[in-house]
PDB file of N, CA and C in Angstrom:
ATOM      1  N   MET A   1      94.311 -92.195 257.424  1.00  0.00           N
ATOM      2  CA  MET A   1      93.622 -92.836 256.243  1.00  0.00           C
ATOM      3  C   MET A   1      92.975 -91.761 255.484  1.00  0.00           C
ATOM      4  N   THR A   2      92.796 -91.926 254.066  1.00  0.00           N
ATOM      5  CA  THR A   2      92.163 -91.050 253.271  1.00  0.00           C
ATOM      6  C   THR A   2      90.578 -91.404 253.144  1.00  0.00           C
ATOM      7  N   GLU A   3      89.798 -90.889 252.989  1.00  0.00           N
ATOM      8  CA  GLU A   3      88.406 -91.234 252.821  1.00  0.00           C
ATOM      9  C   GLU A   3      88.078 -91.700 251.403  1.00  0.00           C
ATOM     10  N   THR A   4      87.544 -92.763 251.209  1.00  0.00           N
ATOM     11  CA  THR A   4      87.174 -93.375 249.901  1.00  0.00           C
ATOM     12  C   THR A   4      85.766 -93.942 249.832  1.00  0.00           C
ATOM     13  N   SER A   5      85.291 -94.152 248.707  1.00  0.00           N
ATOM     14  CA  SER A   5      84.104 -94.917 248.688  1.00  0.00           C
ATOM     15  C   SER A   5      84.374 -96.408 248.352  1.00  0.00           C
ATOM     16  N   VAL A   6      85.551 -96.877 248.362  1.00  0.00           N
ATOM     17  CA  VAL A   6      85.724 -98.375 248.215  1.00  0.00           C
ATOM     18  C   VAL A   6      85.890 -98.788 249.525  1.00  0.00           C
ATOM     19  N   THR A   7      85.286 -99.820 249.836  1.00  0.00           N
ATOM     20  CA  THR A   7      85.138-100.638 251.248  1.00  0.00           C
ATOM     21  C   THR A   7      85.846-102.033 251.015  1.00  0.00           C
ATOM     22  N   LEU A   8      86.278-102.565 252.268  1.00  0.00           N
ATOM     23  CA  LEU A   8      86.526-103.941 252.350  1.00  0.00           C
ATOM     24  C   LEU A   8      85.760-104.611 252.983  1.00  0.00           C
ATOM     25  N   SER A   9      85.248-105.976 252.771  1.00  0.00           N
ATOM     26  CA  SER A   9      84.538-106.829 253.598  1.00  0.00           C
ATOM     27  C   SER A   9      85.406-107.313 254.606  1.00  0.00           C
ATOM     28  N   ASP A  10      84.912-108.117 255.682  1.00  0.00           N
ATOM     29  CA  ASP A  10      85.604-108.677 256.761  1.00  0.00           C
ATOM     30  C   ASP A  10      86.369-109.870 256.105  1.00  0.00           C
ATOM     31  N   ALA A  11      85.678-110.596 255.268  1.00  0.00           N
ATOM     32  CA  ALA A  11      86.615-111.748 254.779  1.00  0.00           C
ATOM     33  C   ALA A  11      87.777-111.149 253.862  1.00  0.00           C
ATOM     34  N   ALA A  12      87.599-110.235 253.026  1.00  0.00           N
ATOM     35  CA  ALA A  12      88.695-109.400 252.387  1.00  0.00           C
ATOM     36  C   ALA A  12      89.717-109.043 253.406  1.00  0.00           C
ATOM     37  N   ALA A  13      89.411-108.280 254.179  1.00  0.00           N
ATOM     38  CA  ALA A  13      90.287-107.805 255.293  1.00  0.00           C
ATOM     39  C   ALA A  13      91.257-108.788 255.798  1.00  0.00           C
ATOM     40  N   LYS A  14      90.485-109.850 256.277  1.00  0.00           N
ATOM     41  CA  LYS A  14      91.183-110.992 256.828  1.00  0.00           C
ATOM     42  C   LYS A  14      92.148-111.684 256.012  1.00  0.00           C
ATOM     43  N   ARG A  15      91.756-112.070 254.658  1.00  0.00           N
ATOM     44  CA  ARG A  15      92.724-112.606 253.724  1.00  0.00           C
ATOM     45  C   ARG A  15      93.712-111.793 253.364  1.00  0.00           C
ATOM     46  N   ILE A  16      93.441-110.629 253.101  1.00  0.00           N
ATOM     47  CA  ILE A  16      94.760-109.450 252.684  1.00  0.00           C
ATOM     48  C   ILE A  16      95.757-109.456 254.007  1.00  0.00           C
ATOM     49  N   ALA A  17      95.271-109.346 255.205  1.00  0.00           N
ATOM     50  CA  ALA A  17      96.383-109.252 256.260  1.00  0.00           C
ATOM     51  C   ALA A  17      96.890-110.543 256.186  1.00  0.00           C
ATOM     52  N   ALA A  18      96.245-111.821 255.938  1.00  0.00           N
ATOM     53  CA  ALA A  18      97.125-113.126 256.172  1.00  0.00           C
ATOM     54  C   ALA A  18      98.432-112.915 254.949  1.00  0.00           C
ATOM     55  N   ILE A  19      97.672-112.760 253.593  1.00  0.00           N
ATOM     56  CA  ILE A  19      98.760-112.692 252.614  1.00  0.00           C
ATOM     57  C   ILE A  19      99.844-111.659 252.658  1.00  0.00           C
ATOM     58  N   VAL A  20      99.653-110.463 253.134  1.00  0.00           N
ATOM     59  CA  VAL A  20     100.607-109.477 253.337  1.00  0.00           C
ATOM     60  C   VAL A  20     101.590-110.047 254.535  1.00  0.00           C
ATOM     61  N   GLY A  21     100.929-110.492 255.543  1.00  0.00           N
ATOM     62  CA  GLY A  21     101.809-110.934 256.686  1.00  0.00           C
ATOM     63  C   GLY A  21     102.798-112.152 256.394  1.00  0.00           C
ATOM     64  N   ALA A  22     102.425-112.887 255.397  1.00  0.00           N
ATOM     65  CA  ALA A  22     103.182-113.944 255.090  1.00  0.00           C
ATOM     66  C   ALA A  22     104.291-113.760 254.097  1.00  0.00           C
ATOM     67  N   ASP A  23     104.253-112.468 253.654  1.00  0.00           N
ATOM     68  CA  ASP A  23     105.385-112.063 252.546  1.00  0.00           C
ATOM     69  C   ASP A  23     106.115-110.863 253.242  1.00  0.00           C
ATOM     70  N   SER A  24     107.364-111.139 253.724  1.00  0.00           N
ATOM     71  CA  SER A  24     108.089-110.218 254.468  1.00  0.00           C
ATOM     72  C   SER A  24     108.583-109.008 253.491  1.00  0.00           C
ATOM     73  N   GLY A  25     108.517-107.960 253.994  1.00  0.00           N
ATOM     74  CA  GLY A  25     108.838-106.842 253.077  1.00  0.00           C
ATOM     75  C   GLY A  25     107.633-106.223 252.349  1.00  0.00           C
ATOM     76  N   LYS A  26     106.536-106.791 252.378  1.00  0.00           N
ATOM     77  CA  LYS A  26     105.348-106.143 251.677  1.00  0.00           C
ATOM     78  C   LYS A  26     104.413-105.698 252.964  1.00  0.00           C
ATOM     79  N   SER A  27     103.601-104.556 252.612  1.00  0.00           N
ATOM     80  CA  SER A  27     102.867-104.014 253.650  1.00  0.00           C
ATOM     81  C   SER A  27     101.454-103.772 253.129  1.00  0.00           C
ATOM     82  N   ALA A  28     101.046-103.897 251.920  1.00  0.00           N
ATOM     83  CA  ALA A  28      99.706-103.608 251.397  1.00  0.00           C
ATOM     84  C   ALA A  28      99.549-104.583 250.085  1.00  0.00           C
ATOM     85  N   LEU A  29      98.262-104.639 249.705  1.00  0.00           N
ATOM     86  CA  LEU A  29      97.813-105.115 248.370  1.00  0.00           C
ATOM     87  C   LEU A  29      97.333-103.913 247.577  1.00  0.00           C
ATOM     88  N   ARG A  30      98.021-103.834 246.448  1.00  0.00           N
ATOM     89  CA  ARG A  30      97.505-102.898 245.569  1.00  0.00           C
ATOM     90  C   ARG A  30      96.606-103.444 244.486  1.00  0.00           C
ATOM     91  N   VAL A  31      95.446-102.605 244.280  1.00  0.00           N
ATOM     92  CA  VAL A  31      94.540-103.028 243.384  1.00  0.00           C
ATOM     93  C   VAL A  31      94.446-101.934 242.314  1.00  0.00           C
ATOM     94  N   SER A  32      94.496-102.193 241.012  1.00  0.00           N
ATOM     95  CA  SER A  32      94.478-101.366 240.016  1.00  0.00           C
ATOM     96  C   SER A  32      93.516-101.769 238.758  1.00  0.00           C
ATOM     97  N   VAL A  33      93.238-100.897 238.057  1.00  0.00           N
ATOM     98  CA  VAL A  33      92.314-101.013 236.873  1.00  0.00           C
ATOM     99  C   VAL A  33      93.111-100.685 235.580  1.00  0.00           C
ATOM    100  N   GLU A  34      93.083-101.882 234.616  1.00  0.00           N
ATOM    101  CA  GLU A  34      93.894-101.906 233.553  1.00  0.00           C
ATOM    102  C   GLU A  34      93.144-101.981 232.312  1.00  0.00           C
ATOM    103  N   GLY A  35      93.381-101.532 231.209  1.00  0.00           N
ATOM    104  CA  GLY A  35      92.576-101.783 229.901  1.00  0.00           C
ATOM    105  C   GLY A  35      92.937-103.168 229.554  1.00  0.00           C
ATOM    106  N   GLY A  36      91.916-103.948 228.894  1.00  0.00           N
ATOM    107  CA  GLY A  36      91.840-105.125 228.510  1.00  0.00           C
ATOM    108  C   GLY A  36      91.056-105.968 229.224  1.00  0.00           C
ATOM    109  N   GLY A  37      91.115-107.322 228.889  1.00  0.00           N
ATOM    110  CA  GLY A  37      90.378-108.246 229.546  1.00  0.00           C
ATOM    111  C   GLY A  37      89.057-108.492 228.648  1.00  0.00           C
ATOM    112  N   CYS A  38      88.194-109.541 228.892  1.00  0.00           N
ATOM    113  CA  CYS A  38      87.043-109.805 228.152  1.00  0.00           C
ATOM    114  C   CYS A  38      86.184-108.776 227.895  1.00  0.00           C
ATOM    115  N   SER A  39      86.031-107.826 228.826  1.00  0.00           N
ATOM    116  CA  SER A  39      84.837-106.878 228.755  1.00  0.00           C
ATOM    117  C   SER A  39      85.424-105.376 228.774  1.00  0.00           C
ATOM    118  N   GLY A  40      86.747-105.208 228.622  1.00  0.00           N
ATOM    119  CA  GLY A  40      87.258-103.757 228.313  1.00  0.00           C
ATOM    120  C   GLY A  40      88.258-103.369 229.393  1.00  0.00           C
ATOM    121  N   PHE A  41      87.944-103.645 230.595  1.00  0.00           N
ATOM    122  CA  PHE A  41      88.912-103.359 231.839  1.00  0.00           C
ATOM    123  C   PHE A  41      89.011-104.631 232.509  1.00  0.00           C
ATOM    124  N   SER A  42      90.088-104.721 233.275  1.00  0.00           N
ATOM    125  CA  SER A  42      90.406-105.775 234.368  1.00  0.00           C
ATOM    126  C   SER A  42      91.161-105.441 235.457  1.00  0.00           C
ATOM    127  N   TYR A  43      91.165-106.132 236.598  1.00  0.00           N
ATOM    128  CA  TYR A  43      91.595-105.708 237.798  1.00  0.00           C
ATOM    129  C   TYR A  43      92.862-106.438 238.138  1.00  0.00           C
ATOM    130  N   LYS A  44      93.812-105.797 238.644  1.00  0.00           N
ATOM    131  CA  LYS A  44      95.021-106.464 238.746  1.00  0.00           C
ATOM    132  C   LYS A  44      95.369-106.359 240.239  1.00  0.00           C
ATOM    133  N   PHE A  45      96.011-107.248 240.834  1.00  0.00           N
ATOM    134  CA  PHE A  45      96.268-107.315 242.183  1.00  0.00           C
ATOM    135  C   PHE A  45      97.833-107.649 242.443  1.00  0.00           C
ATOM    136  N   ASP A  46      98.488-106.934 243.285  1.00  0.00           N
ATOM    137  CA  ASP A  46      99.949-107.081 243.616  1.00  0.00           C
ATOM    138  C   ASP A  46     100.243-106.557 244.960  1.00  0.00           C
ATOM    139  N   LEU A  47     101.111-107.367 245.515  1.00  0.00           N
ATOM    140  CA  LEU A  47     101.652-106.998 246.836  1.00  0.00           C
ATOM    141  C   LEU A  47     102.801-106.060 246.667  1.00  0.00           C
ATOM    142  N   THR A  48     102.865-104.923 247.530  1.00  0.00           N
ATOM    143  CA  THR A  48     103.742-103.872 247.501  1.00  0.00           C
ATOM    144  C   THR A  48     104.162-103.450 249.026  1.00  0.00           C
ATOM    145  N   ASP A  49     105.304-102.693 248.924  1.00  0.00           N
ATOM    146  CA  ASP A  49     105.745-101.985 250.060  1.00  0.00           C
ATOM    147  C   ASP A  49     105.813-100.495 250.044  1.00  0.00           C
ATOM    148  N   ALA A  50     105.412-100.041 248.779  1.00  0.00           N
ATOM    149  CA  ALA A  50     105.605 -98.722 248.384  1.00  0.00           C
ATOM    150  C   ALA A  50     104.296 -97.977 248.366  1.00  0.00           C
ATOM    151  N   THR A  51     103.884 -96.714 248.874  1.00  0.00           N
ATOM    152  CA  THR A  51     102.869 -95.922 248.825  1.00  0.00           C
ATOM    153  C   THR A  51     103.203 -94.854 247.907  1.00  0.00           C
ATOM    154  N   LEU A  52     102.515 -94.669 246.736  1.00  0.00           N
ATOM    155  CA  LEU A  52     102.691 -93.632 245.948  1.00  0.00           C
ATOM    156  C   LEU A  52     102.039 -92.338 246.298  1.00  0.00           C
ATOM    157  N   ASP A  53     102.420 -91.334 245.649  1.00  0.00           N
ATOM    158  CA  ASP A  53     101.875 -89.972 245.885  1.00  0.00           C
ATOM    159  C   ASP A  53     100.266 -90.022 245.928  1.00  0.00           C
ATOM    160  N   ASP A  54      99.848 -90.408 244.607  1.00  0.00           N
ATOM    161  CA  ASP A  54      98.545 -90.519 244.299  1.00  0.00           C
ATOM    162  C   ASP A  54      97.577 -91.698 244.745  1.00  0.00           C
ATOM    163  N   ASP A  55      98.219 -92.308 245.656  1.00  0.00           N
ATOM    164  CA  ASP A  55      97.443 -93.584 246.134  1.00  0.00           C
ATOM    165  C   ASP A  55      96.286 -93.267 247.103  1.00  0.00           C
ATOM    166  N   VAL A  56      95.216 -93.912 247.046  1.00  0.00           N
ATOM    167  CA  VAL A  56      94.163 -93.903 248.138  1.00  0.00           C
ATOM    168  C   VAL A  56      94.348 -94.992 248.942  1.00  0.00           C
ATOM    169  N   VAL A  57      94.420 -94.910 250.369  1.00  0.00           N
ATOM    170  CA  VAL A  57      94.636 -96.020 251.158  1.00  0.00           C
ATOM    171  C   VAL A  57      93.205 -96.343 251.905  1.00  0.00           C
ATOM    172  N   VAL A  58      92.962 -97.592 251.792  1.00  0.00           N
ATOM    173  CA  VAL A  58      91.856 -98.283 252.315  1.00  0.00           C
ATOM    174  C   VAL A  58      92.181 -99.150 253.439  1.00  0.00           C
ATOM    175  N   GLU A  59      91.712 -98.980 254.531  1.00  0.00           N
ATOM    176  CA  GLU A  59      92.203 -99.940 255.749  1.00  0.00           C
ATOM    177  C   GLU A  59      91.216-100.342 256.457  1.00  0.00           C
ATOM    178  N   LYS A  60      91.311-101.507 256.928  1.00  0.00           N
ATOM    179  CA  LYS A  60      90.297-102.216 257.889  1.00  0.00           C
ATOM    180  C   LYS A  60      90.917-103.351 258.641  1.00  0.00           C
ATOM    181  N   ASN A  61      90.799-103.235 259.941  1.00  0.00           N
ATOM    182  CA  ASN A  61      91.542-104.029 260.732  1.00  0.00           C
ATOM    183  C   ASN A  61      93.061-104.215 260.597  1.00  0.00           C
ATOM    184  N   ASP A  62      93.796-105.225 260.253  1.00  0.00           N
ATOM    185  CA  ASP A  62      95.070-105.219 259.958  1.00  0.00           C
ATOM    186  C   ASP A  62      95.410-105.276 258.413  1.00  0.00           C
ATOM    187  N   ALA A  63      94.379-104.967 257.549  1.00  0.00           N
ATOM    188  CA  ALA A  63      94.404-104.939 256.140  1.00  0.00           C
ATOM    189  C   ALA A  63      94.567-103.586 255.564  1.00  0.00           C
ATOM    190  N   LYS A  64      95.486-103.500 254.578  1.00  0.00           N
ATOM    191  CA  LYS A  64      95.734-102.235 253.755  1.00  0.00           C
ATOM    192  C   LYS A  64      95.774-102.478 252.473  1.00  0.00           C
ATOM    193  N   VAL A  65      94.896-101.624 251.759  1.00  0.00           N
ATOM    194  CA  VAL A  65      94.841-101.674 250.263  1.00  0.00           C
ATOM    195  C   VAL A  65      95.250-100.258 249.649  1.00  0.00           C
ATOM    196  N   LEU A  66      95.933-100.312 248.561  1.00  0.00           N
ATOM    197  CA  LEU A  66      96.345 -99.082 247.923  1.00  0.00           C
ATOM    198  C   LEU A  66      95.631 -99.037 246.538  1.00  0.00           C
ATOM    199  N   ILE A  67      95.065 -98.047 246.209  1.00  0.00           N
ATOM    200  CA  ILE A  67      94.417 -97.594 244.898  1.00  0.00           C
ATOM    201  C   ILE A  67      94.897 -96.590 244.377  1.00  0.00           C
ATOM    202  N   ASP A  68      95.326 -96.429 243.201  1.00  0.00           N
ATOM    203  CA  ASP A  68      95.907 -95.136 242.566  1.00  0.00           C
ATOM    204  C   ASP A  68      94.748 -94.283 242.007  1.00  0.00           C
ATOM    205  N   SER A  69      94.838 -93.164 241.842  1.00  0.00           N
ATOM    206  CA  SER A  69      93.708 -92.150 241.742  1.00  0.00           C
ATOM    207  C   SER A  69      92.888 -92.471 240.379  1.00  0.00           C
ATOM    208  N   VAL A  70      93.734 -93.008 239.385  1.00  0.00           N
ATOM    209  CA  VAL A  70      93.084 -93.098 238.196  1.00  0.00           C
ATOM    210  C   VAL A  70      92.197 -94.497 238.265  1.00  0.00           C
ATOM    211  N   SER A  71      92.703 -95.409 238.814  1.00  0.00           N
ATOM    212  CA  SER A  71      91.791 -96.775 239.066  1.00  0.00           C
ATOM    213  C   SER A  71      90.742 -96.418 239.983  1.00  0.00           C
ATOM    214  N   LEU A  72      90.839 -95.560 240.960  1.00  0.00           N
ATOM    215  CA  LEU A  72      89.745 -95.137 241.937  1.00  0.00           C
ATOM    216  C   LEU A  72      88.495 -94.599 241.200  1.00  0.00           C
ATOM    217  N   VAL A  73      88.639 -93.755 239.924  1.00  0.00           N
ATOM    218  CA  VAL A  73      87.500 -93.377 239.245  1.00  0.00           C
ATOM    219  C   VAL A  73      86.777 -94.593 238.691  1.00  0.00           C
ATOM    220  N   TYR A  74      87.301 -95.616 238.345  1.00  0.00           N
ATOM    221  CA  TYR A  74      86.416 -96.793 237.779  1.00  0.00           C
ATOM    222  C   TYR A  74      86.001 -97.621 238.962  1.00  0.00           C
ATOM    223  N   MET A  75      86.538 -97.534 240.107  1.00  0.00           N
ATOM    224  CA  MET A  75      86.103 -98.339 241.239  1.00  0.00           C
ATOM    225  C   MET A  75      85.260 -97.536 242.326  1.00  0.00           C
ATOM    226  N   ALA A  76      84.796 -96.430 242.088  1.00  0.00           N
ATOM    227  CA  ALA A  76      84.066 -95.587 243.057  1.00  0.00           C
ATOM    228  C   ALA A  76      82.799 -96.477 243.577  1.00  0.00           C
ATOM    229  N   GLY A  77      82.655 -96.628 244.809  1.00  0.00           N
ATOM    230  CA  GLY A  77      81.456 -97.320 245.351  1.00  0.00           C
ATOM    231  C   GLY A  77      81.602 -98.719 245.387  1.00  0.00           C
ATOM    232  N   SER A  78      82.837 -99.383 245.040  1.00  0.00           N
ATOM    233  CA  SER A  78      82.916-100.760 245.124  1.00  0.00           C
ATOM    234  C   SER A  78      83.289-101.380 246.392  1.00  0.00           C
ATOM    235  N   GLU A  79      83.038-102.736 246.537  1.00  0.00           N
ATOM    236  CA  GLU A  79      83.476-103.149 247.764  1.00  0.00           C
ATOM    237  C   GLU A  79      84.447-104.467 247.179  1.00  0.00           C
ATOM    238  N   ILE A  80      85.420-104.586 247.877  1.00  0.00           N
ATOM    239  CA  ILE A  80      86.268-105.679 247.728  1.00  0.00           C
ATOM    240  C   ILE A  80      86.055-106.781 248.795  1.00  0.00           C
ATOM    241  N   ASP A  81      85.751-108.126 248.108  1.00  0.00           N
ATOM    242  CA  ASP A  81      85.325-109.332 249.117  1.00  0.00           C
ATOM    243  C   ASP A  81      86.321-110.367 248.709  1.00  0.00           C
ATOM    244  N   PHE A  82      86.370-111.389 249.569  1.00  0.00           N
ATOM    245  CA  PHE A  82      87.182-112.550 249.249  1.00  0.00           C
ATOM    246  C   PHE A  82      86.022-113.660 249.439  1.00  0.00           C
ATOM    247  N   VAL A  83      85.877-114.363 248.327  1.00  0.00           N
ATOM    248  CA  VAL A  83      85.059-115.639 248.251  1.00  0.00           C
ATOM    249  C   VAL A  83      85.789-116.915 248.097  1.00  0.00           C
ATOM    250  N   ASP A  84      85.112-117.979 249.097  1.00  0.00           N
ATOM    251  CA  ASP A  84      85.757-119.398 249.049  1.00  0.00           C
ATOM    252  C   ASP A  84      84.602-120.204 248.884  1.00  0.00           C
ATOM    253  N   ASN A  85      84.418-120.576 247.678  1.00  0.00           N
ATOM    254  CA  ASN A  85      83.418-121.566 247.283  1.00  0.00           C
ATOM    255  C   ASN A  85      83.917-122.760 246.622  1.00  0.00           C
ATOM    256  N   LEU A  86      82.883-123.637 246.029  1.00  0.00           N
ATOM    257  CA  LEU A  86      83.250-124.579 245.165  1.00  0.00           C
ATOM    258  C   LEU A  86      84.197-124.445 244.047  1.00  0.00           C
ATOM    259  N   LEU A  87      83.987-123.272 243.403  1.00  0.00           N
ATOM    260  CA  LEU A  87      84.875-122.717 242.279  1.00  0.00           C
ATOM    261  C   LEU A  87      86.329-122.459 242.787  1.00  0.00           C
ATOM    262  N   GLY A  88      86.374-122.157 243.831  1.00  0.00           N
ATOM    263  CA  GLY A  88      87.771-121.803 244.312  1.00  0.00           C
ATOM    264  C   GLY A  88      87.812-120.575 245.342  1.00  0.00           C
ATOM    265  N   GLN A  89      88.976-120.187 245.607  1.00  0.00           N
ATOM    266  CA  GLN A  89      89.090-118.910 246.316  1.00  0.00           C
ATOM    267  C   GLN A  89      89.527-117.781 245.412  1.00  0.00           C
ATOM    268  N   SER A  90      88.863-116.595 245.658  1.00  0.00           N
ATOM    269  CA  SER A  90      89.342-115.429 245.117  1.00  0.00           C
ATOM    270  C   SER A  90      88.880-114.240 245.595  1.00  0.00           C
ATOM    271  N   PHE A  91      89.530-113.021 245.082  1.00  0.00           N
ATOM    272  CA  PHE A  91      89.151-111.792 245.528  1.00  0.00           C
ATOM    273  C   PHE A  91      87.869-111.260 244.553  1.00  0.00           C
ATOM    274  N   GLU A  92      86.972-110.860 244.988  1.00  0.00           N
ATOM    275  CA  GLU A  92      85.704-110.392 244.032  1.00  0.00           C
ATOM    276  C   GLU A  92      85.518-108.834 244.245  1.00  0.00           C
ATOM    277  N   ILE A  93      85.441-108.163 243.362  1.00  0.00           N
ATOM    278  CA  ILE A  93      85.035-106.608 243.402  1.00  0.00           C
ATOM    279  C   ILE A  93      83.524-106.427 242.953  1.00  0.00           C
ATOM    280  N   ARG A  94      82.730-106.085 243.915  1.00  0.00           N
ATOM    281  CA  ARG A  94      81.402-105.669 243.402  1.00  0.00           C
ATOM    282  C   ARG A  94      81.446-104.298 243.099  1.00  0.00           C
ATOM    283  N   ASN A  95      81.477-104.033 241.866  1.00  0.00           N
ATOM    284  CA  ASN A  95      81.484-102.742 241.405  1.00  0.00           C
ATOM    285  C   ASN A  95      80.174-102.050 240.704  1.00  0.00           C
ATOM    286  N   PRO A  96      79.530-101.112 241.217  1.00  0.00           N
ATOM    287  CA  PRO A  96      78.253-100.720 240.753  1.00  0.00           C
ATOM    288  C   PRO A  96      78.265-100.018 239.525  1.00  0.00           C
ATOM    289  N   ASN A  97      79.455 -99.568 239.102  1.00  0.00           N
ATOM    290  CA  ASN A  97      79.839 -98.888 237.917  1.00  0.00           C
ATOM    291  C   ASN A  97      79.712 -99.600 236.821  1.00  0.00           C
ATOM    292  N   ALA A  98      80.042-101.050 236.880  1.00  0.00           N
ATOM    293  CA  ALA A  98      80.142-102.141 235.889  1.00  0.00           C
ATOM    294  C   ALA A  98      78.723-102.434 235.327  1.00  0.00           C
ATOM    295  N   VAL A  99      78.787-102.344 234.025  1.00  0.00           N
ATOM    296  CA  VAL A  99      77.414-102.404 233.259  1.00  0.00           C
ATOM    297  C   VAL A  99      77.329-103.942 232.768  1.00  0.00           C
ATOM    298  N   ALA A 100      78.694-104.449 232.572  1.00  0.00           N
ATOM    299  CA  ALA A 100      78.758-105.969 232.094  1.00  0.00           C
ATOM    300  C   ALA A 100      80.100-106.432 232.709  1.00  0.00           C
ATOM    301  N   SER A 101      80.053-107.990 232.905  1.00  0.00           N
ATOM    302  CA  SER A 101      81.385-108.418 233.386  1.00  0.00           C
ATOM    303  C   SER A 101      81.432-109.763 232.687  1.00  0.00           C
ATOM    304  N   CYS A 102      82.520-110.256 232.769  1.00  0.00           N
ATOM    305  CA  CYS A 102      82.829-111.553 232.076  1.00  0.00           C
ATOM    306  C   CYS A 102      82.534-112.711 233.174  1.00  0.00           C
ATOM    307  N   GLY A 103      82.481-113.920 232.814  1.00  0.00           N
ATOM    308  CA  GLY A 103      82.575-115.082 233.552  1.00  0.00           C
ATOM    309  C   GLY A 103      83.572-115.196 234.541  1.00  0.00           C
ATOM    310  N   CYS A 104      84.906-114.756 234.269  1.00  0.00           N
ATOM    311  CA  CYS A 104      85.913-115.066 235.191  1.00  0.00           C
ATOM    312  C   CYS A 104      85.978-114.172 236.354  1.00  0.00           C
ATOM    313  N   GLY A 105      85.151-113.041 236.159  1.00  0.00           N
ATOM    314  CA  GLY A 105      84.999-112.313 237.472  1.00  0.00           C
ATOM    315  C   GLY A 105      86.011-110.982 237.576  1.00  0.00           C
ATOM    316  N   THR A 106      87.049-111.010 236.659  1.00  0.00           N
ATOM    317  CA  THR A 106      88.072-110.112 236.871  1.00  0.00           C
ATOM    318  C   THR A 106      87.978-109.087 235.581  1.00  0.00           C
ATOM    319  N   SER A 107      87.081-109.091 234.772  1.00  0.00           N
ATOM    320  CA  SER A 107      87.026-108.208 233.768  1.00  0.00           C
ATOM    321  C   SER A 107      85.574-107.600 233.754  1.00  0.00           C
ATOM    322  N   PHE A 108      85.610-106.284 233.387  1.00  0.00           N
ATOM    323  CA  PHE A 108      84.277-105.434 233.425  1.00  0.00           C
ATOM    324  C   PHE A 108      84.272-104.385 232.350  1.00  0.00           C
ATOM    325  N   SER A 109      83.033-103.888 232.060  1.00  0.00           N
ATOM    326  CA  SER A 109      82.995-102.750 231.188  1.00  0.00           C
ATOM    327  C   SER A 109      82.015-101.779 231.989  1.00  0.00           C
ATOM    328  N   ILE A 110      82.289-100.453 231.515  1.00  0.00           N
ATOM    329  CA  ILE A 110      81.460 -99.367 232.073  1.00  0.00           C
ATOM    330  C   ILE A 110      80.719 -98.575 231.077  1.00  0.00           C
TER     331      ILE A 110
END
């Protein structure tokens, strides 16, 4: 496992392991940062079975998350969490680099 400053909460690790385990042929959740969204950048989540050369691997229990090196620059120090509340279920990224975010929780600016 490569050292990184991105961490997974227990709830996120449990949910990622369940999602990946239910999709045969997939081994990890890929999290990336893309341009766009209400605040300038947005997070993208995909299931994958391929680890790329520039990926950083974040593992906790049975969960595996892949983040490419460019996205990692924007996510340094973040925690990936899974929330289940009255508004629904979703992954939430607590990013200390974000100076603004939008109400949907998937868009941010630096």
